[in-house]
Structure formats: structure tokens, C-alpha cells
Amino acid sequence: MVNDRDALETGFLPAPGSPPVEWVIADTPVAYPDAVAEMEARVEAIARGAAPERIWLVEHPPLYTAGTSAKDADLVDAARFPVFQSGRGGQYTYHGPGQRVAYAMLDLKRRRQDVRAYVAALEAWIIATLWQFHVRGERREDRVGVWVRRPERGDGAEDKIAAIGIRVRRWVGFHGISLNVDPDLDHFSGIIPCGVRDHGVTSLVDLGLPVTMPEVDAVMRPEFERIFGPTVAMPG
């Protein structure tokens, strides 16, 4: 059993007859403003029933984003990387090479109109993906995201391996998740990630797993389908 709240996973399958979710992997790094513009357009089209849902896997150049709850004091080094205001929930986060960002543009009207449960389902997707690499990811009721325990450091130490920040418009969710595969962890030091000061960040490679981004992508897709339903691969 990966987590005692796995029952949430069954709550986001689409209504019968819904088209499969487009599964798109960007071939090259995507500028953050371009990603936001692309998501905005797709969300509007999904809400009108003019486009299918989409999962868009990208990497970004190094940057920081400020969610709607970001605090100025949590931006430690504003000059280090570009800083973008984001409409997603949450606080400051980092994106950059070696981190898999998965933008989830899903129509909750076809699934389940429960934002809190949707966030939990996204967490379950990450946890299931990590489990395939023999990493136990865990939720925390007081901190959104996915965490791994670091018993070798003692004192109950744990690090964040994945972040979640979403926005919902007309019951279409967008933004999504970021999973640390092999980013430069020092890049996180320019912010207080997600406002959490008492814990660090980690990645699959930092945990001693020499995995590649394509290997992670290959696992993410079937684990997504188990929770959210069928996908169809589309060109990046």
C-alpha cells in the first residue's frame, strides 16, 4: 500500500464517452510566459468543449514563480533567476532543467468537482510514480506536495521531491505538478520553496537513483491513466 488515502485515485476517471487526454512531451525547453499563454488558450477551448484535455510535460529554463500566496520575505535572491507572477495557488517555487513539470489541463466537470480531492489525486499520481522507482512518497496534511523521509539524517528529517500548484477556471484545472528528477538543487536556495523553512528539497538522482527524464515520463503515463483515464500521444 503506497498511501492510506489511495481511494481518492478512483474519483477522477472521466465520464463515459469522453475522449482520451492528449499526452504531449515538449521537445525543447519552454519559456514560462509561453507555457502560461498556451495553457490559457487550451483551458478556454476545453471549457467551451472545443478541445480535448491535455497533459503537457515540459522543462523550463531556470526561473522562480510566485503563486497567489507568495510572501516577499520568501524570495531570498531576486536577482538570481527571472521571477514570474503566477496565477496558480501556492507560494514561491523553482523550475529548471532536470525537473519534470507536468501541466494538467483537465475538465473537472467531466470528472469530479472537488478541488481539494483533485489536488490529492495529483499527489497520488506522483506517489504512484515514485513507488515504481522504490521511493516512498508521502502526503502531509499541513503542506501540499510530496515528501520523502531522510532517516539517515535523523531527527525526523524529510525533503520535498514534488510540488503542486493549480488554478481552476470554469471547472477546468491547469498549472499542475513538478517532480525533481535531476535538477541543480542549489537553485532552490534563492527562495524558501513553498514557504517551508524547516525541510529541504531532494530529487530522484539525489536519492541515489540514476534515472533519466524519458524513464520517468514512461512511468508517469500509465500511472496517470490508472487515476485519470486513457491518454493519446500527440507530437510535442
C-alpha atoms as a PDB file:
ATOM      1  CA  MET A   1       0.000   0.000   0.000  1.00  0.00           C
ATOM      2  CA  VAL A   2       1.546   3.283  -1.129  1.00  0.00           C
ATOM      3  CA  ASN A   3      -0.710   5.515   0.940  1.00  0.00           C
ATOM      4  CA  ASP A   4      -3.794   5.033   3.078  1.00  0.00           C
ATOM      5  CA  ARG A   5      -5.752   7.561   1.003  1.00  0.00           C
ATOM      6  CA  ASP A   6      -5.425   5.713  -2.297  1.00  0.00           C
ATOM      7  CA  ALA A   7      -9.218   5.535  -2.510  1.00  0.00           C
ATOM      8  CA  LEU A   8      -9.071   9.105  -3.854  1.00  0.00           C
ATOM      9  CA  GLU A   9      -7.452   7.787  -7.003  1.00  0.00           C
ATOM     10  CA  THR A  10     -10.691   6.328  -8.317  1.00  0.00           C
ATOM     11  CA  GLY A  11     -12.561   9.616  -8.119  1.00  0.00           C
ATOM     12  CA  PHE A  12     -11.224  11.308 -11.247  1.00  0.00           C
ATOM     13  CA  LEU A  13     -11.938   8.971 -14.113  1.00  0.00           C
ATOM     14  CA  PRO A  14     -13.766  10.833 -16.922  1.00  0.00           C
ATOM     15  CA  ALA A  15     -17.410  10.464 -17.763  1.00  0.00           C
ATOM     16  CA  PRO A  16     -18.166   7.583 -20.162  1.00  0.00           C
ATOM     17  CA  GLY A  17     -17.579   8.546 -23.778  1.00  0.00           C
ATOM     18  CA  SER A  18     -15.049  11.273 -23.003  1.00  0.00           C
ATOM     19  CA  PRO A  19     -12.159  11.495 -25.492  1.00  0.00           C
ATOM     20  CA  PRO A  20      -8.714  10.468 -24.247  1.00  0.00           C
ATOM     21  CA  VAL A  21      -6.448  13.048 -22.688  1.00  0.00           C
ATOM     22  CA  GLU A  22      -3.754  14.361 -25.018  1.00  0.00           C
ATOM     23  CA  TRP A  23      -0.282  13.401 -23.762  1.00  0.00           C
ATOM     24  CA  VAL A  24       2.304  15.859 -25.077  1.00  0.00           C
ATOM     25  CA  ILE A  25       6.033  15.977 -24.306  1.00  0.00           C
ATOM     26  CA  ALA A  26       7.818  19.191 -25.277  1.00  0.00           C
ATOM     27  CA  ASP A  27      10.956  18.537 -27.324  1.00  0.00           C
ATOM     28  CA  THR A  28      12.832  21.637 -26.152  1.00  0.00           C
ATOM     29  CA  PRO A  29      12.766  23.888 -23.054  1.00  0.00           C
ATOM     30  CA  VAL A  30       9.664  26.089 -22.881  1.00  0.00           C
ATOM     31  CA  ALA A  31       9.749  29.715 -21.737  1.00  0.00           C
ATOM     32  CA  TYR A  32       7.406  30.233 -18.805  1.00  0.00           C
ATOM     33  CA  PRO A  33       5.310  33.038 -20.382  1.00  0.00           C
ATOM     34  CA  ASP A  34       4.824  30.874 -23.475  1.00  0.00           C
ATOM     35  CA  ALA A  35       3.649  27.978 -21.313  1.00  0.00           C
ATOM     36  CA  VAL A  36       1.134  30.158 -19.485  1.00  0.00           C
ATOM     37  CA  ALA A  37      -0.229  31.585 -22.755  1.00  0.00           C
ATOM     38  CA  GLU A  38      -0.583  28.079 -24.196  1.00  0.00           C
ATOM     39  CA  MET A  39      -2.391  26.854 -21.088  1.00  0.00           C
ATOM     40  CA  GLU A  40      -4.736  29.842 -21.022  1.00  0.00           C
ATOM     41  CA  ALA A  41      -5.766  29.211 -24.620  1.00  0.00           C
ATOM     42  CA  ARG A  42      -6.247  25.488 -24.111  1.00  0.00           C
ATOM     43  CA  VAL A  43      -8.264  25.935 -20.908  1.00  0.00           C
ATOM     44  CA  GLU A  44     -10.616  28.327 -22.655  1.00  0.00           C
ATOM     45  CA  ALA A  45     -11.074  25.851 -25.501  1.00  0.00           C
ATOM     46  CA  ILE A  46     -11.686  22.950 -23.101  1.00  0.00           C
ATOM     47  CA  ALA A  47     -14.282  24.981 -21.196  1.00  0.00           C
ATOM     48  CA  ARG A  48     -16.102  25.666 -24.482  1.00  0.00           C
ATOM     49  CA  GLY A  49     -15.983  21.994 -25.438  1.00  0.00           C
ATOM     50  CA  ALA A  50     -13.767  22.850 -28.405  1.00  0.00           C
ATOM     51  CA  ALA A  51     -10.617  20.923 -27.405  1.00  0.00           C
ATOM     52  CA  PRO A  52      -9.702  17.767 -25.509  1.00  0.00           C
ATOM     53  CA  GLU A  53      -7.996  17.703 -22.167  1.00  0.00           C
ATOM     54  CA  ARG A  54      -4.201  17.731 -22.154  1.00  0.00           C
ATOM     55  CA  ILE A  55      -1.189  16.753 -20.090  1.00  0.00           C
ATOM     56  CA  TRP A  56       1.829  18.758 -21.233  1.00  0.00           C
ATOM     57  CA  LEU A  57       5.242  17.653 -19.993  1.00  0.00           C
ATOM     58  CA  VAL A  58       7.883  20.376 -20.174  1.00  0.00           C
ATOM     59  CA  GLU A  59      11.191  21.583 -18.789  1.00  0.00           C
ATOM     60  CA  HIS A  60      11.790  25.280 -18.192  1.00  0.00           C
ATOM     61  CA  PRO A  61      14.947  27.387 -18.147  1.00  0.00           C
ATOM     62  CA  PRO A  62      15.898  28.263 -14.535  1.00  0.00           C
ATOM     63  CA  LEU A  63      13.250  30.556 -13.014  1.00  0.00           C
ATOM     64  CA  TYR A  64      11.153  31.261  -9.963  1.00  0.00           C
ATOM     65  CA  THR A  65       7.386  31.605  -9.906  1.00  0.00           C
ATOM     66  CA  ALA A  66       5.268  33.311  -7.268  1.00  0.00           C
ATOM     67  CA  GLY A  67       1.869  31.801  -6.557  1.00  0.00           C
ATOM     68  CA  THR A  68      -1.104  33.698  -5.206  1.00  0.00           C
ATOM     69  CA  SER A  69       0.027  33.165  -1.591  1.00  0.00           C
ATOM     70  CA  ALA A  70       3.698  34.102  -2.122  1.00  0.00           C
ATOM     71  CA  LYS A  71       5.335  36.240   0.560  1.00  0.00           C
ATOM     72  CA  ASP A  72       8.019  38.782  -0.293  1.00  0.00           C
ATOM     73  CA  ALA A  73      10.273  37.503   2.503  1.00  0.00           C
ATOM     74  CA  ASP A  74      10.451  34.094   0.831  1.00  0.00           C
ATOM     75  CA  LEU A  75      12.232  35.486  -2.226  1.00  0.00           C
ATOM     76  CA  VAL A  76      15.797  35.278  -0.901  1.00  0.00           C
ATOM     77  CA  ASP A  77      17.692  36.232  -4.075  1.00  0.00           C
ATOM     78  CA  ALA A  78      15.516  38.110  -6.557  1.00  0.00           C
ATOM     79  CA  ALA A  79      18.430  38.690  -8.935  1.00  0.00           C
ATOM     80  CA  ARG A  80      19.433  35.075  -9.343  1.00  0.00           C
ATOM     81  CA  PHE A  81      16.832  33.963 -11.903  1.00  0.00           C
ATOM     82  CA  PRO A  82      13.828  35.586 -13.580  1.00  0.00           C
ATOM     83  CA  VAL A  83      10.798  35.794 -11.302  1.00  0.00           C
ATOM     84  CA  PHE A  84       7.294  35.378 -12.738  1.00  0.00           C
ATOM     85  CA  GLN A  85       3.976  36.086 -11.071  1.00  0.00           C
ATOM     86  CA  SER A  86       1.735  33.074 -11.482  1.00  0.00           C
ATOM     87  CA  GLY A  87      -1.998  32.696 -11.146  1.00  0.00           C
ATOM     88  CA  ARG A  88      -1.649  29.253  -9.583  1.00  0.00           C
ATOM     89  CA  GLY A  89      -2.164  28.628  -5.902  1.00  0.00           C
ATOM     90  CA  GLY A  90       0.755  28.304  -3.534  1.00  0.00           C
ATOM     91  CA  GLN A  91       3.886  30.295  -2.829  1.00  0.00           C
ATOM     92  CA  TYR A  92       7.345  30.521  -4.429  1.00  0.00           C
ATOM     93  CA  THR A  93       8.701  27.602  -6.393  1.00  0.00           C
ATOM     94  CA  TYR A  94      11.592  26.876  -8.709  1.00  0.00           C
ATOM     95  CA  HIS A  95      11.505  25.394 -12.212  1.00  0.00           C
ATOM     96  CA  GLY A  96      14.516  24.441 -14.261  1.00  0.00           C
ATOM     97  CA  PRO A  97      16.380  21.784 -16.240  1.00  0.00           C
ATOM     98  CA  GLY A  98      16.167  18.316 -14.756  1.00  0.00           C
ATOM     99  CA  GLN A  99      12.732  18.947 -13.284  1.00  0.00           C
ATOM    100  CA  ARG A 100       9.687  17.420 -14.959  1.00  0.00           C
ATOM    101  CA  VAL A 101       6.845  19.902 -14.989  1.00  0.00           C
ATOM    102  CA  ALA A 102       3.501  18.356 -15.906  1.00  0.00           C
ATOM    103  CA  TYR A 103       0.807  20.878 -16.769  1.00  0.00           C
ATOM    104  CA  ALA A 104      -2.569  19.223 -16.279  1.00  0.00           C
ATOM    105  CA  MET A 105      -5.452  20.771 -18.189  1.00  0.00           C
ATOM    106  CA  LEU A 106      -8.361  18.636 -17.040  1.00  0.00           C
ATOM    107  CA  ASP A 107     -12.101  19.268 -17.097  1.00  0.00           C
ATOM    108  CA  LEU A 108     -13.396  18.602 -13.597  1.00  0.00           C
ATOM    109  CA  LYS A 109     -16.990  18.833 -14.843  1.00  0.00           C
ATOM    110  CA  ARG A 110     -16.352  15.515 -16.626  1.00  0.00           C
ATOM    111  CA  ARG A 111     -14.735  14.072 -13.527  1.00  0.00           C
ATOM    112  CA  ARG A 112     -15.382  15.382 -10.031  1.00  0.00           C
ATOM    113  CA  GLN A 113     -15.999  18.986  -8.992  1.00  0.00           C
ATOM    114  CA  ASP A 114     -13.919  18.856  -5.851  1.00  0.00           C
ATOM    115  CA  VAL A 115     -10.705  20.916  -5.931  1.00  0.00           C
ATOM    116  CA  ARG A 116      -9.267  19.553  -2.710  1.00  0.00           C
ATOM    117  CA  ALA A 117      -9.772  15.965  -3.818  1.00  0.00           C
ATOM    118  CA  TYR A 118      -8.277  16.852  -7.212  1.00  0.00           C
ATOM    119  CA  VAL A 119      -5.084  18.061  -5.535  1.00  0.00           C
ATOM    120  CA  ALA A 120      -4.982  14.806  -3.558  1.00  0.00           C
ATOM    121  CA  ALA A 121      -5.366  12.840  -6.799  1.00  0.00           C
ATOM    122  CA  LEU A 122      -2.427  14.718  -8.332  1.00  0.00           C
ATOM    123  CA  GLU A 123      -0.414  13.857  -5.228  1.00  0.00           C
ATOM    124  CA  ALA A 124      -1.470  10.221  -5.639  1.00  0.00           C
ATOM    125  CA  TRP A 125      -0.192  10.307  -9.231  1.00  0.00           C
ATOM    126  CA  ILE A 126       3.228  11.459  -8.062  1.00  0.00           C
ATOM    127  CA  ILE A 127       3.316   8.953  -5.203  1.00  0.00           C
ATOM    128  CA  ALA A 128       2.467   6.083  -7.539  1.00  0.00           C
ATOM    129  CA  THR A 129       5.160   7.209  -9.983  1.00  0.00           C
ATOM    130  CA  LEU A 130       7.780   7.368  -7.234  1.00  0.00           C
ATOM    131  CA  TRP A 131       6.784   3.942  -5.970  1.00  0.00           C
ATOM    132  CA  GLN A 132       7.754   2.432  -9.327  1.00  0.00           C
ATOM    133  CA  PHE A 133      11.308   3.598  -8.535  1.00  0.00           C
ATOM    134  CA  HIS A 134      11.059   2.146  -4.997  1.00  0.00           C
ATOM    135  CA  VAL A 135      10.754   5.593  -3.446  1.00  0.00           C
ATOM    136  CA  ARG A 136       8.065   6.080  -0.832  1.00  0.00           C
ATOM    137  CA  GLY A 137       6.478   9.483  -1.317  1.00  0.00           C
ATOM    138  CA  GLU A 138       4.111  10.756   1.342  1.00  0.00           C
ATOM    139  CA  ARG A 139       1.481  13.455   1.764  1.00  0.00           C
ATOM    140  CA  ARG A 140       1.376  15.897   4.630  1.00  0.00           C
ATOM    141  CA  GLU A 141      -1.898  17.408   5.768  1.00  0.00           C
ATOM    142  CA  ASP A 142      -0.256  20.742   6.599  1.00  0.00           C
ATOM    143  CA  ARG A 143       1.941  21.044   3.472  1.00  0.00           C
ATOM    144  CA  VAL A 144       0.894  20.479  -0.128  1.00  0.00           C
ATOM    145  CA  GLY A 145       3.278  18.385  -2.215  1.00  0.00           C
ATOM    146  CA  VAL A 146       5.027  15.051  -1.902  1.00  0.00           C
ATOM    147  CA  TRP A 147       7.704  14.336   0.686  1.00  0.00           C
ATOM    148  CA  VAL A 148      10.320  11.651   1.341  1.00  0.00           C
ATOM    149  CA  ARG A 149      11.761  10.787   4.713  1.00  0.00           C
ATOM    150  CA  ARG A 150      15.534  11.012   5.196  1.00  0.00           C
ATOM    151  CA  PRO A 151      16.227   8.702   8.168  1.00  0.00           C
ATOM    152  CA  GLU A 152      19.986   8.879   7.538  1.00  0.00           C
ATOM    153  CA  ARG A 153      19.924  12.477   8.798  1.00  0.00           C
ATOM    154  CA  GLY A 154      17.952  11.711  11.937  1.00  0.00           C
ATOM    155  CA  ASP A 155      15.544  13.994  13.823  1.00  0.00           C
ATOM    156  CA  GLY A 156      12.656  13.106  11.518  1.00  0.00           C
ATOM    157  CA  ALA A 157      14.247  14.871   8.549  1.00  0.00           C
ATOM    158  CA  GLU A 158      12.332  14.841   5.281  1.00  0.00           C
ATOM    159  CA  ASP A 159      12.654  16.578   1.925  1.00  0.00           C
ATOM    160  CA  LYS A 160      10.218  17.715  -0.718  1.00  0.00           C
ATOM    161  CA  ILE A 161      10.546  15.895  -4.023  1.00  0.00           C
ATOM    162  CA  ALA A 162       7.497  17.259  -5.849  1.00  0.00           C
ATOM    163  CA  ALA A 163       5.415  20.432  -5.750  1.00  0.00           C
ATOM    164  CA  ILE A 164       1.794  21.047  -6.722  1.00  0.00           C
ATOM    165  CA  GLY A 165       0.182  24.334  -7.699  1.00  0.00           C
ATOM    166  CA  ILE A 166      -3.089  24.564  -9.589  1.00  0.00           C
ATOM    167  CA  ARG A 167      -5.693  27.016 -10.730  1.00  0.00           C
ATOM    168  CA  VAL A 168      -9.277  26.210 -11.699  1.00  0.00           C
ATOM    169  CA  ARG A 169     -11.287  28.288 -14.152  1.00  0.00           C
ATOM    170  CA  ARG A 170     -14.817  27.331 -15.171  1.00  0.00           C
ATOM    171  CA  TRP A 171     -14.045  23.966 -13.550  1.00  0.00           C
ATOM    172  CA  VAL A 172     -11.071  23.345 -15.812  1.00  0.00           C
ATOM    173  CA  GLY A 173      -7.858  22.791 -13.876  1.00  0.00           C
ATOM    174  CA  PHE A 174      -4.487  23.994 -15.116  1.00  0.00           C
ATOM    175  CA  HIS A 175      -0.894  24.503 -13.978  1.00  0.00           C
ATOM    176  CA  GLY A 176      -0.062  21.239 -12.187  1.00  0.00           C
ATOM    177  CA  ILE A 177       2.916  19.409 -10.720  1.00  0.00           C
ATOM    178  CA  SER A 178       6.710  19.471 -10.763  1.00  0.00           C
ATOM    179  CA  LEU A 179       8.800  16.392  -9.964  1.00  0.00           C
ATOM    180  CA  ASN A 180      12.503  16.718  -9.227  1.00  0.00           C
ATOM    181  CA  VAL A 181      14.330  14.191 -11.390  1.00  0.00           C
ATOM    182  CA  ASP A 182      17.843  15.701 -11.532  1.00  0.00           C
ATOM    183  CA  PRO A 183      17.711  19.491 -11.140  1.00  0.00           C
ATOM    184  CA  ASP A 184      20.511  21.548  -9.596  1.00  0.00           C
ATOM    185  CA  LEU A 185      19.217  21.565  -6.022  1.00  0.00           C
ATOM    186  CA  ASP A 186      21.306  24.634  -5.194  1.00  0.00           C
ATOM    187  CA  HIS A 187      18.961  26.613  -7.455  1.00  0.00           C
ATOM    188  CA  PHE A 188      16.256  26.266  -4.801  1.00  0.00           C
ATOM    189  CA  SER A 189      18.332  28.332  -2.377  1.00  0.00           C
ATOM    190  CA  GLY A 190      17.181  31.620  -3.924  1.00  0.00           C
ATOM    191  CA  ILE A 191      13.709  31.102  -2.425  1.00  0.00           C
ATOM    192  CA  ILE A 192      12.001  29.493   0.529  1.00  0.00           C
ATOM    193  CA  PRO A 193      10.295  26.757  -1.520  1.00  0.00           C
ATOM    194  CA  CYS A 194       6.554  26.840  -0.922  1.00  0.00           C
ATOM    195  CA  GLY A 195       7.191  28.817   2.252  1.00  0.00           C
ATOM    196  CA  VAL A 196       8.536  25.762   4.112  1.00  0.00           C
ATOM    197  CA  ARG A 197      11.653  26.673   6.101  1.00  0.00           C
ATOM    198  CA  ASP A 198      12.169  23.566   8.208  1.00  0.00           C
ATOM    199  CA  HIS A 199      12.673  20.997   5.437  1.00  0.00           C
ATOM    200  CA  GLY A 200      14.826  20.655   2.335  1.00  0.00           C
ATOM    201  CA  VAL A 201      14.356  19.522  -1.250  1.00  0.00           C
ATOM    202  CA  THR A 202      15.569  16.395  -2.981  1.00  0.00           C
ATOM    203  CA  SER A 203      15.387  14.603  -6.318  1.00  0.00           C
ATOM    204  CA  LEU A 204      15.409  11.063  -7.627  1.00  0.00           C
ATOM    205  CA  VAL A 205      19.098  11.359  -8.516  1.00  0.00           C
ATOM    206  CA  ASP A 206      19.874  12.922  -5.140  1.00  0.00           C
ATOM    207  CA  LEU A 207      18.300   9.834  -3.567  1.00  0.00           C
ATOM    208  CA  GLY A 208      20.809   7.691  -5.450  1.00  0.00           C
ATOM    209  CA  LEU A 209      18.657   6.697  -8.425  1.00  0.00           C
ATOM    210  CA  PRO A 210      20.402   7.378 -11.772  1.00  0.00           C
ATOM    211  CA  VAL A 211      17.168   7.735 -13.752  1.00  0.00           C
ATOM    212  CA  THR A 212      16.611   9.800 -16.873  1.00  0.00           C
ATOM    213  CA  MET A 213      13.724  12.055 -17.818  1.00  0.00           C
ATOM    214  CA  PRO A 214      12.443   9.644 -20.519  1.00  0.00           C
ATOM    215  CA  GLU A 215      12.427   6.848 -17.950  1.00  0.00           C
ATOM    216  CA  VAL A 216      10.351   8.982 -15.586  1.00  0.00           C
ATOM    217  CA  ASP A 217       7.990  10.000 -18.385  1.00  0.00           C
ATOM    218  CA  ALA A 218       7.462   6.344 -19.303  1.00  0.00           C
ATOM    219  CA  VAL A 219       6.306   5.627 -15.760  1.00  0.00           C
ATOM    220  CA  MET A 220       4.221   8.766 -15.311  1.00  0.00           C
ATOM    221  CA  ARG A 221       1.914   7.982 -18.202  1.00  0.00           C
ATOM    222  CA  PRO A 222       0.478   4.616 -17.077  1.00  0.00           C
ATOM    223  CA  GLU A 223       0.212   5.860 -13.502  1.00  0.00           C
ATOM    224  CA  PHE A 224      -1.732   8.884 -14.736  1.00  0.00           C
ATOM    225  CA  GLU A 225      -4.036   6.644 -16.760  1.00  0.00           C
ATOM    226  CA  ARG A 226      -4.771   4.471 -13.745  1.00  0.00           C
ATOM    227  CA  ILE A 227      -6.102   7.504 -11.872  1.00  0.00           C
ATOM    228  CA  PHE A 228      -7.427   9.815 -14.605  1.00  0.00           C
ATOM    229  CA  GLY A 229      -8.184   7.573 -17.581  1.00  0.00           C
ATOM    230  CA  PRO A 230      -6.869   6.932 -21.104  1.00  0.00           C
ATOM    231  CA  THR A 231      -4.374   9.150 -22.944  1.00  0.00           C
ATOM    232  CA  VAL A 232      -3.308   9.515 -26.543  1.00  0.00           C
ATOM    233  CA  ALA A 233       0.215  10.575 -27.502  1.00  0.00           C
ATOM    234  CA  MET A 234       0.478  13.770 -29.510  1.00  0.00           C
ATOM    235  CA  PRO A 235       3.557  15.431 -31.045  1.00  0.00           C
ATOM    236  CA  GLY A 236       5.407  17.923 -28.891  1.00  0.00           C
END
